Amino acid sequence: MKLPIYIYGHPVLREVGVDITPEYEGLSELIENMWETMYFSDGIGLAAPQIGRAIRLFVIDADPMKESFPECAGLKQTFINARIVERSEETCSENEGCLSIPGINERVTRPTSITIEYVDANFQPHRETYSGFAARVIQHEYDHIEGILFIDQIAAIRKQLIKGKLSNMLKGKVSAHYRTVTAPQKKK
């Protein structure tokens, strides 16, 4: 089932996700729905807060990026209860976008490599190191389960330049080819 994407300004996007267990109700179906939603929305990653769940779960399929970024070849994984345990000192800036902030792309500086610990959809533990664009994609989705959005990490002048677009999103004015849930509107 295609789920709606929660848009900038919705409080769930600022919550720190909680760990889950294999007994989390409807987990298999939820993961399946997240994959379907991500593909339908033309994303390469989707975190649970983006579909209204403040839990430590995200899915990534960066394989379509392998032509430009060979390190993304075969990167298709479900990450549960993830923790980034190491980040390189070396950084790199690249453009990023987000399904929860449609129509905005900005340069974000991130560590070029990370080591992450997580369990997969079968709750098997992993400790893996990623670099390049693969590390960027993982860090972007990881930030979601920490209540962080990519626009939190851009230069103040760039944030000022997109202020109008963000303000429109807060007012529920969003254009996307997928279903969305906007921030609750305050009663006047």
N, C-alpha and C. Protein backbone atom coordinates (compact mmCIF):
# COMPACT_ATOMS: atom_id res chain seq x y z
N MET A 1 0.84 -1.17 0.00
CA MET A 1 0.00 0.00 0.00
C MET A 1 0.89 1.24 0.00
N LYS A 2 0.55 2.20 -0.85
CA LYS A 2 1.29 3.45 -0.89
C LYS A 2 0.82 4.35 0.25
N LEU A 3 1.75 4.73 1.10
CA LEU A 3 1.45 5.56 2.26
C LEU A 3 1.71 7.03 1.93
N PRO A 4 1.01 7.95 2.58
CA PRO A 4 1.30 9.36 2.36
C PRO A 4 2.62 9.76 3.03
N ILE A 5 3.30 10.72 2.42
CA ILE A 5 4.56 11.24 2.94
C ILE A 5 4.27 12.48 3.81
N TYR A 6 4.84 12.49 5.00
CA TYR A 6 4.67 13.63 5.91
C TYR A 6 5.63 14.75 5.48
N ILE A 7 5.11 15.96 5.45
CA ILE A 7 5.81 17.10 4.89
C ILE A 7 6.40 18.00 5.98
N TYR A 8 7.46 18.71 5.60
CA TYR A 8 8.14 19.67 6.47
C TYR A 8 7.13 20.44 7.31
N GLY A 9 7.42 20.54 8.62
CA GLY A 9 6.54 21.23 9.54
C GLY A 9 5.71 20.29 10.38
N HIS A 10 5.55 19.04 9.92
CA HIS A 10 4.80 18.08 10.72
C HIS A 10 5.66 17.67 11.92
N PRO A 11 5.11 17.70 13.12
CA PRO A 11 5.90 17.41 14.33
C PRO A 11 6.60 16.06 14.34
N VAL A 12 6.04 15.04 13.71
CA VAL A 12 6.65 13.71 13.74
C VAL A 12 8.05 13.72 13.11
N LEU A 13 8.29 14.64 12.19
CA LEU A 13 9.60 14.71 11.54
C LEU A 13 10.70 15.21 12.48
N ARG A 14 10.30 15.76 13.62
CA ARG A 14 11.28 16.28 14.58
C ARG A 14 11.44 15.37 15.80
N GLU A 15 10.72 14.26 15.81
CA GLU A 15 10.83 13.32 16.93
C GLU A 15 12.03 12.39 16.72
N VAL A 16 12.69 12.05 17.81
CA VAL A 16 13.75 11.05 17.76
C VAL A 16 13.06 9.68 17.81
N GLY A 17 13.38 8.84 16.84
CA GLY A 17 12.75 7.54 16.76
C GLY A 17 13.14 6.62 17.90
N VAL A 18 12.22 5.74 18.27
CA VAL A 18 12.48 4.77 19.33
C VAL A 18 12.82 3.42 18.71
N ASP A 19 13.62 2.64 19.43
CA ASP A 19 13.96 1.29 18.98
C ASP A 19 12.70 0.43 18.95
N ILE A 20 12.71 -0.55 18.06
CA ILE A 20 11.59 -1.48 17.96
C ILE A 20 12.10 -2.91 18.11
N THR A 21 11.17 -3.83 18.36
CA THR A 21 11.49 -5.25 18.48
C THR A 21 10.81 -6.00 17.35
N PRO A 22 11.14 -7.28 17.17
CA PRO A 22 10.47 -8.07 16.13
C PRO A 22 8.96 -8.15 16.34
N GLU A 23 8.51 -7.88 17.57
CA GLU A 23 7.08 -7.95 17.88
C GLU A 23 6.33 -6.67 17.51
N TYR A 24 7.03 -5.68 16.96
CA TYR A 24 6.36 -4.43 16.59
C TYR A 24 5.19 -4.78 15.66
N GLU A 25 4.01 -4.33 16.04
CA GLU A 25 2.79 -4.73 15.33
C GLU A 25 2.82 -4.35 13.85
N GLY A 26 2.61 -5.36 13.00
CA GLY A 26 2.52 -5.14 11.56
C GLY A 26 3.83 -4.76 10.90
N LEU A 27 4.97 -5.13 11.51
CA LEU A 27 6.27 -4.70 11.00
C LEU A 27 6.54 -5.14 9.57
N SER A 28 6.31 -6.39 9.25
CA SER A 28 6.57 -6.87 7.88
C SER A 28 5.76 -6.10 6.85
N GLU A 29 4.49 -5.89 7.15
CA GLU A 29 3.62 -5.13 6.25
C GLU A 29 4.08 -3.68 6.15
N LEU A 30 4.49 -3.11 7.27
CA LEU A 30 4.97 -1.74 7.28
C LEU A 30 6.19 -1.59 6.37
N ILE A 31 7.15 -2.50 6.51
CA ILE A 31 8.36 -2.44 5.67
C ILE A 31 7.99 -2.58 4.20
N GLU A 32 7.13 -3.53 3.90
CA GLU A 32 6.67 -3.72 2.51
C GLU A 32 6.02 -2.44 1.97
N ASN A 33 5.19 -1.82 2.78
CA ASN A 33 4.52 -0.57 2.38
C ASN A 33 5.52 0.57 2.20
N MET A 34 6.57 0.59 3.02
CA MET A 34 7.59 1.63 2.88
C MET A 34 8.33 1.48 1.56
N TRP A 35 8.67 0.24 1.18
CA TRP A 35 9.32 0.03 -0.11
C TRP A 35 8.42 0.52 -1.25
N GLU A 36 7.16 0.11 -1.20
CA GLU A 36 6.21 0.50 -2.26
C GLU A 36 6.07 2.02 -2.32
N THR A 37 5.96 2.66 -1.17
CA THR A 37 5.82 4.11 -1.10
C THR A 37 7.07 4.81 -1.64
N MET A 38 8.23 4.32 -1.26
CA MET A 38 9.49 4.92 -1.71
C MET A 38 9.61 4.84 -3.23
N TYR A 39 9.34 3.67 -3.79
CA TYR A 39 9.45 3.51 -5.25
C TYR A 39 8.43 4.39 -5.97
N PHE A 40 7.21 4.41 -5.49
CA PHE A 40 6.17 5.22 -6.12
C PHE A 40 6.52 6.70 -6.09
N SER A 41 7.18 7.13 -5.02
CA SER A 41 7.52 8.54 -4.83
C SER A 41 8.84 8.92 -5.50
N ASP A 42 9.47 7.95 -6.17
CA ASP A 42 10.75 8.16 -6.85
C ASP A 42 11.88 8.50 -5.88
N GLY A 43 11.85 7.91 -4.69
CA GLY A 43 12.90 8.10 -3.72
C GLY A 43 13.91 6.97 -3.78
N ILE A 44 15.07 7.19 -3.14
CA ILE A 44 16.05 6.11 -2.99
C ILE A 44 16.20 5.73 -1.52
N GLY A 45 15.43 6.41 -0.67
CA GLY A 45 15.42 6.11 0.76
C GLY A 45 14.13 6.64 1.36
N LEU A 46 13.70 6.01 2.43
CA LEU A 46 12.50 6.45 3.14
C LEU A 46 12.62 6.02 4.59
N ALA A 47 12.41 6.98 5.49
CA ALA A 47 12.49 6.70 6.93
C ALA A 47 11.08 6.71 7.52
N ALA A 48 10.90 5.91 8.57
CA ALA A 48 9.58 5.78 9.21
C ALA A 48 8.96 7.12 9.62
N PRO A 49 9.72 8.09 10.14
CA PRO A 49 9.08 9.37 10.47
C PRO A 49 8.41 10.03 9.25
N GLN A 50 8.91 9.75 8.07
CA GLN A 50 8.34 10.34 6.86
C GLN A 50 6.96 9.76 6.52
N ILE A 51 6.61 8.67 7.18
CA ILE A 51 5.27 8.11 7.00
C ILE A 51 4.51 8.14 8.33
N GLY A 52 4.99 9.00 9.23
CA GLY A 52 4.26 9.25 10.47
C GLY A 52 4.57 8.35 11.64
N ARG A 53 5.67 7.59 11.56
CA ARG A 53 6.03 6.69 12.66
C ARG A 53 7.37 7.10 13.26
N ALA A 54 7.40 7.45 14.52
CA ALA A 54 8.64 7.87 15.19
C ALA A 54 9.38 6.65 15.73
N ILE A 55 9.84 5.81 14.80
CA ILE A 55 10.59 4.60 15.15
C ILE A 55 11.89 4.59 14.34
N ARG A 56 12.86 3.79 14.81
CA ARG A 56 14.18 3.73 14.18
C ARG A 56 14.17 2.69 13.06
N LEU A 57 13.61 3.10 11.93
CA LEU A 57 13.47 2.22 10.77
C LEU A 57 13.59 3.06 9.51
N PHE A 58 14.45 2.61 8.59
CA PHE A 58 14.46 3.22 7.26
C PHE A 58 14.87 2.19 6.22
N VAL A 59 14.46 2.44 4.99
CA VAL A 59 14.79 1.57 3.86
C VAL A 59 15.55 2.39 2.83
N ILE A 60 16.48 1.72 2.15
CA ILE A 60 17.28 2.38 1.11
C ILE A 60 17.45 1.44 -0.06
N ASP A 61 17.26 1.98 -1.26
CA ASP A 61 17.67 1.29 -2.49
C ASP A 61 18.40 2.33 -3.34
N ALA A 62 19.72 2.38 -3.17
CA ALA A 62 20.55 3.33 -3.91
C ALA A 62 21.11 2.72 -5.18
N ASP A 63 20.76 1.47 -5.48
CA ASP A 63 21.29 0.79 -6.66
C ASP A 63 21.05 1.60 -7.96
N PRO A 64 19.91 2.29 -8.12
CA PRO A 64 19.72 3.08 -9.34
C PRO A 64 20.77 4.19 -9.54
N MET A 65 21.50 4.53 -8.49
CA MET A 65 22.52 5.58 -8.58
C MET A 65 23.90 5.03 -8.99
N LYS A 66 24.00 3.72 -9.23
CA LYS A 66 25.31 3.08 -9.43
C LYS A 66 26.06 3.57 -10.66
N GLU A 67 25.34 4.07 -11.67
CA GLU A 67 26.04 4.58 -12.85
C GLU A 67 26.93 5.76 -12.48
N SER A 68 26.39 6.67 -11.68
CA SER A 68 27.15 7.85 -11.26
C SER A 68 28.00 7.59 -10.02
N PHE A 69 27.52 6.69 -9.17
CA PHE A 69 28.19 6.41 -7.90
C PHE A 69 28.31 4.89 -7.73
N PRO A 70 29.41 4.28 -8.23
CA PRO A 70 29.55 2.81 -8.19
C PRO A 70 29.41 2.21 -6.79
N GLU A 71 29.73 3.00 -5.74
CA GLU A 71 29.62 2.48 -4.37
C GLU A 71 28.17 2.19 -3.97
N CYS A 72 27.21 2.66 -4.77
CA CYS A 72 25.79 2.42 -4.48
C CYS A 72 25.28 1.11 -5.08
N ALA A 73 26.09 0.45 -5.91
CA ALA A 73 25.68 -0.80 -6.54
C ALA A 73 25.30 -1.83 -5.47
N GLY A 74 24.10 -2.36 -5.58
CA GLY A 74 23.64 -3.39 -4.67
C GLY A 74 23.20 -2.91 -3.30
N LEU A 75 23.24 -1.60 -3.06
CA LEU A 75 22.82 -1.09 -1.75
C LEU A 75 21.30 -1.03 -1.69
N LYS A 76 20.73 -2.12 -1.20
CA LYS A 76 19.27 -2.22 -0.97
C LYS A 76 19.12 -2.92 0.37
N GLN A 77 18.64 -2.16 1.38
CA GLN A 77 18.62 -2.72 2.73
C GLN A 77 17.57 -2.04 3.59
N THR A 78 17.09 -2.80 4.54
CA THR A 78 16.23 -2.29 5.62
C THR A 78 17.12 -2.11 6.84
N PHE A 79 17.09 -0.92 7.43
CA PHE A 79 17.89 -0.60 8.61
C PHE A 79 16.95 -0.40 9.79
N ILE A 80 17.13 -1.20 10.84
CA ILE A 80 16.30 -1.11 12.05
C ILE A 80 17.22 -0.85 13.24
N ASN A 81 16.79 0.06 14.11
CA ASN A 81 17.54 0.40 15.34
C ASN A 81 18.99 0.80 15.04
N ALA A 82 19.17 1.52 13.94
CA ALA A 82 20.52 1.90 13.50
C ALA A 82 21.17 2.91 14.43
N ARG A 83 22.50 2.79 14.52
CA ARG A 83 23.33 3.75 15.24
C ARG A 83 24.61 3.94 14.42
N ILE A 84 24.89 5.17 14.04
CA ILE A 84 26.18 5.46 13.40
C ILE A 84 27.22 5.52 14.52
N VAL A 85 28.24 4.66 14.41
CA VAL A 85 29.22 4.55 15.49
C VAL A 85 30.55 5.22 15.14
N GLU A 86 30.78 5.50 13.86
CA GLU A 86 31.99 6.20 13.44
C GLU A 86 31.67 7.06 12.23
N ARG A 87 32.31 8.26 12.19
CA ARG A 87 32.19 9.17 11.05
C ARG A 87 33.59 9.65 10.70
N SER A 88 33.90 9.72 9.42
CA SER A 88 35.21 10.21 9.02
C SER A 88 35.33 11.71 9.27
N GLU A 89 36.55 12.16 9.44
CA GLU A 89 36.78 13.60 9.56
C GLU A 89 36.68 14.26 8.20
N GLU A 90 37.03 13.54 7.16
CA GLU A 90 36.95 14.07 5.80
C GLU A 90 35.47 14.25 5.42
N THR A 91 35.16 15.38 4.79
CA THR A 91 33.78 15.66 4.40
C THR A 91 33.70 15.95 2.91
N CYS A 92 32.46 15.99 2.42
CA CYS A 92 32.18 16.28 1.02
C CYS A 92 30.82 16.94 0.94
N SER A 93 30.66 17.87 -0.01
CA SER A 93 29.37 18.54 -0.22
C SER A 93 28.73 18.05 -1.50
N GLU A 94 27.45 17.73 -1.42
CA GLU A 94 26.67 17.29 -2.58
C GLU A 94 25.26 17.84 -2.42
N ASN A 95 24.54 17.91 -3.54
CA ASN A 95 23.14 18.30 -3.50
C ASN A 95 22.31 17.17 -2.91
N GLU A 96 21.33 17.54 -2.10
CA GLU A 96 20.38 16.57 -1.55
C GLU A 96 18.97 17.12 -1.70
N GLY A 97 18.03 16.20 -1.79
CA GLY A 97 16.62 16.53 -1.78
C GLY A 97 15.95 15.57 -0.83
N CYS A 98 14.65 15.75 -0.62
CA CYS A 98 13.94 14.93 0.35
C CYS A 98 12.47 14.86 -0.02
N LEU A 99 11.89 13.67 0.09
CA LEU A 99 10.46 13.51 -0.19
C LEU A 99 9.61 14.33 0.75
N SER A 100 10.10 14.62 1.94
CA SER A 100 9.35 15.41 2.92
C SER A 100 9.51 16.92 2.71
N ILE A 101 10.39 17.30 1.78
CA ILE A 101 10.61 18.72 1.47
C ILE A 101 10.64 18.83 -0.06
N PRO A 102 9.50 18.55 -0.72
CA PRO A 102 9.51 18.48 -2.18
C PRO A 102 9.87 19.81 -2.84
N GLY A 103 10.64 19.69 -3.93
CA GLY A 103 10.97 20.87 -4.72
C GLY A 103 12.17 21.65 -4.22
N ILE A 104 12.83 21.19 -3.18
CA ILE A 104 13.99 21.89 -2.65
C ILE A 104 15.20 20.96 -2.67
N ASN A 105 16.27 21.43 -3.27
CA ASN A 105 17.55 20.71 -3.28
C ASN A 105 18.62 21.69 -2.85
N GLU A 106 19.48 21.25 -1.94
CA GLU A 106 20.54 22.12 -1.42
C GLU A 106 21.80 21.29 -1.18
N ARG A 107 22.94 21.96 -1.20
CA ARG A 107 24.22 21.31 -0.92
C ARG A 107 24.35 21.09 0.59
N VAL A 108 24.72 19.87 0.93
CA VAL A 108 24.90 19.49 2.34
C VAL A 108 26.29 18.89 2.48
N THR A 109 27.00 19.31 3.50
CA THR A 109 28.33 18.75 3.79
C THR A 109 28.17 17.64 4.81
N ARG A 110 28.73 16.48 4.47
CA ARG A 110 28.64 15.30 5.36
C ARG A 110 29.98 14.57 5.37
N PRO A 111 30.22 13.76 6.40
CA PRO A 111 31.41 12.89 6.40
C PRO A 111 31.38 11.98 5.16
N THR A 112 32.56 11.70 4.62
CA THR A 112 32.62 10.88 3.40
C THR A 112 32.48 9.38 3.69
N SER A 113 32.70 8.98 4.95
CA SER A 113 32.48 7.56 5.28
C SER A 113 31.93 7.44 6.70
N ILE A 114 31.20 6.37 6.90
CA ILE A 114 30.58 6.10 8.21
C ILE A 114 30.63 4.60 8.49
N THR A 115 30.55 4.27 9.75
CA THR A 115 30.33 2.88 10.17
C THR A 115 29.02 2.89 10.94
N ILE A 116 28.15 1.96 10.59
CA ILE A 116 26.81 1.91 11.16
C ILE A 116 26.52 0.50 11.68
N GLU A 117 25.86 0.44 12.82
CA GLU A 117 25.38 -0.82 13.38
C GLU A 117 23.86 -0.81 13.32
N TYR A 118 23.27 -1.92 12.92
CA TYR A 118 21.81 -2.01 12.79
C TYR A 118 21.41 -3.48 12.72
N VAL A 119 20.11 -3.71 12.78
CA VAL A 119 19.58 -5.04 12.47
C VAL A 119 18.74 -4.92 11.21
N ASP A 120 18.71 -5.99 10.43
CA ASP A 120 17.95 -5.99 9.19
C ASP A 120 16.49 -6.41 9.46
N ALA A 121 15.73 -6.63 8.40
CA ALA A 121 14.31 -6.98 8.54
C ALA A 121 14.10 -8.29 9.29
N ASN A 122 15.12 -9.16 9.32
CA ASN A 122 15.05 -10.43 10.06
C ASN A 122 15.70 -10.31 11.44
N PHE A 123 16.04 -9.07 11.83
CA PHE A 123 16.68 -8.75 13.10
C PHE A 123 18.04 -9.41 13.26
N GLN A 124 18.71 -9.60 12.11
CA GLN A 124 20.09 -10.06 12.13
C GLN A 124 21.00 -8.84 12.26
N PRO A 125 21.99 -8.88 13.18
CA PRO A 125 22.85 -7.71 13.41
C PRO A 125 23.88 -7.53 12.30
N HIS A 126 24.18 -6.25 12.02
CA HIS A 126 25.20 -5.88 11.03
C HIS A 126 26.03 -4.74 11.58
N ARG A 127 27.28 -4.71 11.19
CA ARG A 127 28.17 -3.56 11.41
C ARG A 127 28.90 -3.38 10.09
N GLU A 128 28.64 -2.26 9.42
CA GLU A 128 29.17 -2.06 8.08
C GLU A 128 29.71 -0.65 7.93
N THR A 129 30.68 -0.52 7.04
CA THR A 129 31.26 0.78 6.73
C THR A 129 30.88 1.12 5.29
N TYR A 130 30.42 2.34 5.09
CA TYR A 130 30.04 2.84 3.77
C TYR A 130 30.80 4.13 3.50
N SER A 131 31.03 4.38 2.21
CA SER A 131 31.71 5.62 1.84
C SER A 131 31.04 6.24 0.63
N GLY A 132 31.45 7.47 0.33
CA GLY A 132 30.94 8.17 -0.85
C GLY A 132 29.45 8.45 -0.76
N PHE A 133 28.80 8.33 -1.92
CA PHE A 133 27.38 8.67 -1.99
C PHE A 133 26.53 7.69 -1.17
N ALA A 134 26.98 6.43 -1.07
CA ALA A 134 26.26 5.45 -0.25
C ALA A 134 26.20 5.92 1.20
N ALA A 135 27.32 6.44 1.71
CA ALA A 135 27.35 6.96 3.08
C ALA A 135 26.41 8.16 3.21
N ARG A 136 26.36 9.00 2.18
CA ARG A 136 25.49 10.18 2.20
C ARG A 136 24.02 9.77 2.29
N VAL A 137 23.62 8.82 1.48
CA VAL A 137 22.22 8.38 1.49
C VAL A 137 21.84 7.83 2.86
N ILE A 138 22.71 7.01 3.42
CA ILE A 138 22.44 6.43 4.75
C ILE A 138 22.36 7.53 5.80
N GLN A 139 23.29 8.48 5.76
CA GLN A 139 23.27 9.57 6.75
C GLN A 139 22.00 10.41 6.63
N HIS A 140 21.55 10.64 5.40
CA HIS A 140 20.32 11.42 5.20
C HIS A 140 19.13 10.72 5.87
N GLU A 141 18.98 9.42 5.62
CA GLU A 141 17.87 8.67 6.21
C GLU A 141 18.06 8.52 7.72
N TYR A 142 19.29 8.31 8.14
CA TYR A 142 19.59 8.20 9.58
C TYR A 142 19.18 9.48 10.30
N ASP A 143 19.47 10.62 9.69
CA ASP A 143 19.08 11.89 10.30
C ASP A 143 17.58 11.93 10.58
N HIS A 144 16.77 11.37 9.68
CA HIS A 144 15.32 11.36 9.89
C HIS A 144 14.94 10.67 11.21
N ILE A 145 15.61 9.56 11.54
CA ILE A 145 15.24 8.86 12.77
C ILE A 145 15.80 9.58 14.01
N GLU A 146 16.62 10.61 13.76
CA GLU A 146 17.14 11.45 14.84
C GLU A 146 16.39 12.78 14.92
N GLY A 147 15.36 12.95 14.08
CA GLY A 147 14.58 14.19 14.09
C GLY A 147 15.26 15.35 13.38
N ILE A 148 16.19 15.03 12.49
CA ILE A 148 16.97 16.04 11.77
C ILE A 148 16.60 16.01 10.28
N LEU A 149 16.48 17.19 9.67
CA LEU A 149 16.22 17.30 8.24
C LEU A 149 17.45 17.89 7.55
N PHE A 150 17.61 17.59 6.27
CA PHE A 150 18.82 18.05 5.58
C PHE A 150 18.94 19.57 5.56
N ILE A 151 17.82 20.28 5.60
CA ILE A 151 17.88 21.74 5.58
C ILE A 151 18.43 22.31 6.89
N ASP A 152 18.49 21.48 7.94
CA ASP A 152 19.09 21.92 9.20
C ASP A 152 20.60 22.10 9.05
N GLN A 153 21.16 21.53 7.99
CA GLN A 153 22.60 21.50 7.84
C GLN A 153 23.10 22.37 6.68
N ILE A 154 22.26 23.25 6.18
CA ILE A 154 22.69 24.12 5.09
C ILE A 154 23.05 25.50 5.64
N ALA A 155 23.77 26.24 4.84
CA ALA A 155 24.20 27.58 5.25
C ALA A 155 23.00 28.48 5.53
N ALA A 156 23.16 29.38 6.49
CA ALA A 156 22.07 30.28 6.88
C ALA A 156 21.55 31.09 5.70
N ILE A 157 22.44 31.54 4.83
CA ILE A 157 22.01 32.33 3.67
C ILE A 157 21.15 31.49 2.73
N ARG A 158 21.48 30.22 2.57
CA ARG A 158 20.68 29.33 1.71
C ARG A 158 19.31 29.09 2.35
N LYS A 159 19.29 28.94 3.66
CA LYS A 159 18.02 28.73 4.36
C LYS A 159 17.13 29.96 4.20
N GLN A 160 17.74 31.13 4.23
CA GLN A 160 16.98 32.37 4.04
C GLN A 160 16.36 32.39 2.64
N LEU A 161 17.09 31.90 1.65
CA LEU A 161 16.61 31.92 0.26
C LEU A 161 15.44 30.96 0.02
N ILE A 162 15.32 29.91 0.84
CA ILE A 162 14.21 28.96 0.66
C ILE A 162 13.10 29.17 1.69
N LYS A 163 13.24 30.22 2.48
CA LYS A 163 12.29 30.49 3.57
C LYS A 163 10.84 30.55 3.06
N GLY A 164 10.61 31.18 1.92
CA GLY A 164 9.27 31.29 1.37
C GLY A 164 8.66 29.94 1.04
N LYS A 165 9.47 29.07 0.41
CA LYS A 165 8.98 27.73 0.07
C LYS A 165 8.65 26.93 1.33
N LEU A 166 9.52 27.04 2.33
CA LEU A 166 9.28 26.32 3.59
C LEU A 166 8.03 26.86 4.29
N SER A 167 7.85 28.16 4.23
CA SER A 167 6.68 28.79 4.84
C SER A 167 5.40 28.28 4.17
N ASN A 168 5.43 28.14 2.85
CA ASN A 168 4.27 27.60 2.14
C ASN A 168 3.97 26.17 2.58
N MET A 169 5.02 25.37 2.79
CA MET A 169 4.81 23.99 3.25
C MET A 169 4.15 23.99 4.62
N LEU A 170 4.58 24.90 5.49
CA LEU A 170 3.98 25.00 6.83
C LEU A 170 2.49 25.33 6.74
N LYS A 171 2.11 26.06 5.69
CA LYS A 171 0.71 26.45 5.48
C LYS A 171 -0.08 25.38 4.72
N GLY A 172 0.59 24.27 4.39
CA GLY A 172 -0.10 23.19 3.69
C GLY A 172 -0.08 23.32 2.18
N LYS A 173 0.67 24.27 1.66
CA LYS A 173 0.77 24.47 0.21
C LYS A 173 1.94 23.64 -0.31
N VAL A 174 1.63 22.46 -0.84
CA VAL A 174 2.65 21.51 -1.28
C VAL A 174 2.26 20.95 -2.63
N SER A 175 3.25 20.80 -3.49
CA SER A 175 3.02 20.18 -4.79
C SER A 175 3.93 18.96 -4.92
N ALA A 176 3.31 17.80 -4.98
CA ALA A 176 4.06 16.55 -5.13
C ALA A 176 3.17 15.57 -5.90
N HIS A 177 3.79 14.61 -6.59
CA HIS A 177 3.01 13.62 -7.34
C HIS A 177 2.57 12.44 -6.46
N TYR A 178 2.85 12.52 -5.18
CA TYR A 178 2.45 11.48 -4.23
C TYR A 178 1.58 12.13 -3.14
N ARG A 179 0.84 11.28 -2.42
CA ARG A 179 -0.01 11.78 -1.33
C ARG A 179 0.85 12.32 -0.21
N THR A 180 0.36 13.38 0.41
CA THR A 180 1.12 14.01 1.49
C THR A 180 0.24 14.27 2.70
N VAL A 181 0.90 14.43 3.85
CA VAL A 181 0.26 14.88 5.08
C VAL A 181 1.04 16.10 5.52
N THR A 182 0.36 17.23 5.63
CA THR A 182 1.03 18.46 6.02
C THR A 182 0.88 18.70 7.52
N ALA A 183 1.58 19.70 7.99
CA ALA A 183 1.54 20.05 9.41
C ALA A 183 0.12 20.41 9.81
N PRO A 184 -0.29 20.05 11.02
CA PRO A 184 -1.61 20.47 11.50
C PRO A 184 -1.69 22.00 11.48
N GLN A 185 -2.79 22.52 10.97
CA GLN A 185 -2.97 23.97 10.89
C GLN A 185 -3.54 24.48 12.20
N LYS A 186 -3.00 25.61 12.64
CA LYS A 186 -3.50 26.22 13.88
C LYS A 186 -4.85 26.86 13.60
N LYS A 187 -5.75 26.70 14.54
CA LYS A 187 -7.09 27.32 14.44
C LYS A 187 -6.95 28.83 14.63
N LYS A 188 -7.67 29.58 13.82
CA LYS A 188 -7.63 31.05 13.94
C LYS A 188 -8.73 31.55 14.82
